[in-house]
Amino acid sequence: MVNKEKSRKVGMILAFSGVLIPIAGLHKFYLGQPLWGVVYLLLSWTPIPHVASAIEGVWYLVQDDEEFKQNYPGLVPVIPGLKIPQVDWSRFWPKGSSEPTGPISDQVESVAEALRQLEALRQEGLITEYEFEQKRRNLLDKIA
């Protein structure tokens, strides 16, 4: 993992975005303060974190780069022995393909076929509209 200093401009933009969008505290996560970020997110239904985000955005704006770097050194610690698993997405969505393949595709295709059969039963009058809707919802919930 590469250690990289935090940008004052990005922190300022994220802080001001906390005023405009319903969730606040993204700047805290960016600046390496995840606990405060969670507090801001939990209080996002109140005006408190939005006002605090505006104040902090102005504070980042008036700071010079050196002062900002002192307050938020931004170097990400490298944890020895930490291995991040790599997922081979090409199994599910190969390059150049417009549709997924593999287990995801198989599940979607089986649900689509079941929906077609269900629609045929409804068209023939073998099941009611209410039964059709219940079964359709159950099938769609399997995908999500």
Protein backbone atom coordinates (compact mmCIF):
# COMPACT_ATOMS: atom_id res chain seq x y z
CA MET A 1 0.00 0.00 0.00
CA VAL A 2 1.36 3.41 -0.94
CA ASN A 3 1.55 6.11 1.70
CA LYS A 4 0.08 9.32 0.34
CA GLU A 5 -0.50 12.70 1.94
CA LYS A 6 -4.07 13.96 2.17
CA SER A 7 -5.16 16.80 -0.08
CA ARG A 8 -6.55 19.90 1.59
CA LYS A 9 -8.75 20.60 -1.45
CA VAL A 10 -10.31 17.14 -1.41
CA GLY A 11 -10.95 17.41 2.34
CA MET A 12 -12.55 20.81 1.81
CA ILE A 13 -14.75 19.56 -1.05
CA LEU A 14 -15.89 16.55 0.99
CA ALA A 15 -16.63 18.78 4.00
CA PHE A 16 -18.72 21.19 1.93
CA SER A 17 -20.51 18.25 0.28
CA GLY A 18 -21.69 17.29 3.77
CA VAL A 19 -23.72 20.50 3.76
CA LEU A 20 -25.36 19.80 0.40
CA ILE A 21 -26.04 16.06 0.49
CA PRO A 22 -28.07 14.19 3.12
CA ILE A 23 -25.05 12.36 4.55
CA ALA A 24 -22.21 14.15 6.29
CA GLY A 25 -18.81 13.03 7.53
CA LEU A 26 -17.18 11.77 4.36
CA HIS A 27 -14.29 14.19 4.95
CA LYS A 28 -13.64 12.55 8.32
CA PHE A 29 -13.18 9.15 6.67
CA TYR A 30 -10.89 10.70 4.07
CA LEU A 31 -8.79 12.44 6.69
CA GLY A 32 -8.27 9.25 8.69
CA GLN A 33 -10.81 9.84 11.45
CA PRO A 34 -13.28 6.98 10.92
CA LEU A 35 -14.77 7.16 14.43
CA TRP A 36 -15.79 10.78 13.87
CA GLY A 37 -17.02 9.80 10.41
CA VAL A 38 -19.37 7.23 11.95
CA VAL A 39 -20.61 9.80 14.48
CA TYR A 40 -21.35 12.24 11.66
CA LEU A 41 -23.17 9.54 9.69
CA LEU A 42 -25.27 8.51 12.69
CA LEU A 43 -26.27 12.13 13.32
CA SER A 44 -26.89 12.93 9.64
CA TRP A 45 -30.64 13.13 10.24
CA THR A 46 -29.98 16.20 12.43
CA PRO A 47 -28.47 19.52 11.31
CA ILE A 48 -25.49 19.13 13.70
CA PRO A 49 -23.02 17.33 11.40
CA HIS A 50 -24.03 19.48 8.43
CA VAL A 51 -23.23 22.68 10.32
CA ALA A 52 -20.01 21.14 11.65
CA SER A 53 -19.05 20.10 8.10
CA ALA A 54 -19.55 23.67 6.88
CA ILE A 55 -17.41 25.05 9.70
CA GLU A 56 -14.67 22.49 9.05
CA GLY A 57 -14.82 23.21 5.30
CA VAL A 58 -14.18 26.89 6.01
CA TRP A 59 -11.42 25.92 8.43
CA TYR A 60 -9.71 23.81 5.73
CA LEU A 61 -10.14 26.73 3.32
CA VAL A 62 -8.34 29.25 5.53
CA GLN A 63 -5.51 26.91 6.53
CA ASP A 64 -2.36 26.92 4.48
CA ASP A 65 -0.99 23.63 3.18
CA GLU A 66 1.73 23.33 5.83
CA GLU A 67 -0.73 23.75 8.71
CA PHE A 68 -3.09 21.25 7.10
CA LYS A 69 -0.27 18.71 6.70
CA GLN A 70 0.62 19.13 10.38
CA ASN A 71 -2.98 18.51 11.47
CA TYR A 72 -3.65 15.69 8.99
CA PRO A 73 -0.40 13.97 8.06
CA GLY A 74 -2.43 11.46 6.08
CA LEU A 75 0.16 8.74 5.89
CA VAL A 76 -1.61 5.41 5.79
CA PRO A 77 0.14 2.83 7.96
CA VAL A 78 1.13 -0.38 6.27
CA ILE A 79 0.06 -3.36 8.35
CA PRO A 80 2.59 -6.18 8.02
CA GLY A 81 1.05 -9.52 7.18
CA LEU A 82 -2.28 -8.02 6.06
CA LYS A 83 -3.33 -9.69 2.84
CA ILE A 84 -6.20 -8.32 0.80
CA PRO A 85 -7.89 -11.10 -1.16
CA GLN A 86 -7.98 -10.65 -4.91
CA VAL A 87 -11.13 -11.62 -6.79
CA ASP A 88 -10.87 -12.86 -10.34
CA TRP A 89 -13.86 -11.02 -11.81
CA SER A 90 -13.18 -12.39 -15.27
CA ARG A 91 -14.96 -15.58 -14.19
CA PHE A 92 -18.19 -13.61 -13.84
CA TRP A 93 -17.73 -10.88 -16.44
CA PRO A 94 -15.03 -11.52 -19.02
CA LYS A 95 -13.56 -8.60 -20.94
CA GLY A 96 -15.43 -7.81 -24.13
CA SER A 97 -18.57 -9.55 -22.90
CA SER A 98 -21.72 -7.49 -22.47
CA GLU A 99 -23.36 -9.96 -20.10
CA PRO A 100 -22.17 -11.70 -16.93
CA THR A 101 -21.35 -15.39 -16.95
CA GLY A 102 -20.98 -18.01 -14.25
CA PRO A 103 -23.11 -18.54 -11.12
CA ILE A 104 -24.69 -15.08 -11.25
CA SER A 105 -25.80 -15.47 -14.84
CA ASP A 106 -27.12 -18.98 -14.19
CA GLN A 107 -29.23 -17.78 -11.27
CA VAL A 108 -30.68 -14.86 -13.24
CA GLU A 109 -31.44 -17.11 -16.19
CA SER A 110 -33.21 -19.70 -14.02
CA VAL A 111 -35.34 -17.01 -12.36
CA ALA A 112 -36.17 -15.52 -15.78
CA GLU A 113 -37.29 -18.94 -17.03
CA ALA A 114 -39.43 -19.46 -13.92
CA LEU A 115 -41.04 -16.05 -14.48
CA ARG A 116 -41.85 -16.99 -18.09
CA GLN A 117 -43.51 -20.21 -16.93
CA LEU A 118 -45.40 -18.34 -14.23
CA GLU A 119 -46.65 -15.82 -16.79
CA ALA A 120 -47.85 -18.69 -18.99
CA LEU A 121 -49.81 -20.15 -16.07
CA ARG A 122 -51.39 -16.76 -15.43
CA GLN A 123 -52.29 -16.33 -19.12
CA GLU A 124 -53.98 -19.74 -19.14
CA GLY A 125 -55.97 -18.81 -16.02
CA LEU A 126 -54.45 -21.58 -13.90
CA ILE A 127 -53.31 -19.12 -11.19
CA THR A 128 -54.88 -15.88 -9.99
CA GLU A 129 -53.32 -12.45 -10.35
CA TYR A 130 -52.66 -12.40 -6.60
CA GLU A 131 -50.85 -15.78 -6.72
CA PHE A 132 -48.84 -14.62 -9.72
CA GLU A 133 -47.71 -11.45 -7.92
CA GLN A 134 -46.70 -13.37 -4.78
CA LYS A 135 -44.66 -15.93 -6.72
CA ARG A 136 -43.10 -13.21 -8.89
CA ARG A 137 -41.92 -11.29 -5.83
CA ASN A 138 -40.48 -14.43 -4.26
CA LEU A 139 -38.55 -15.21 -7.42
CA LEU A 140 -37.20 -11.67 -7.76
CA ASP A 141 -36.11 -11.68 -4.12
CA LYS A 142 -33.86 -14.66 -4.92
CA ILE A 143 -31.84 -12.47 -7.29
CA ALA A 144 -31.39 -9.58 -4.89
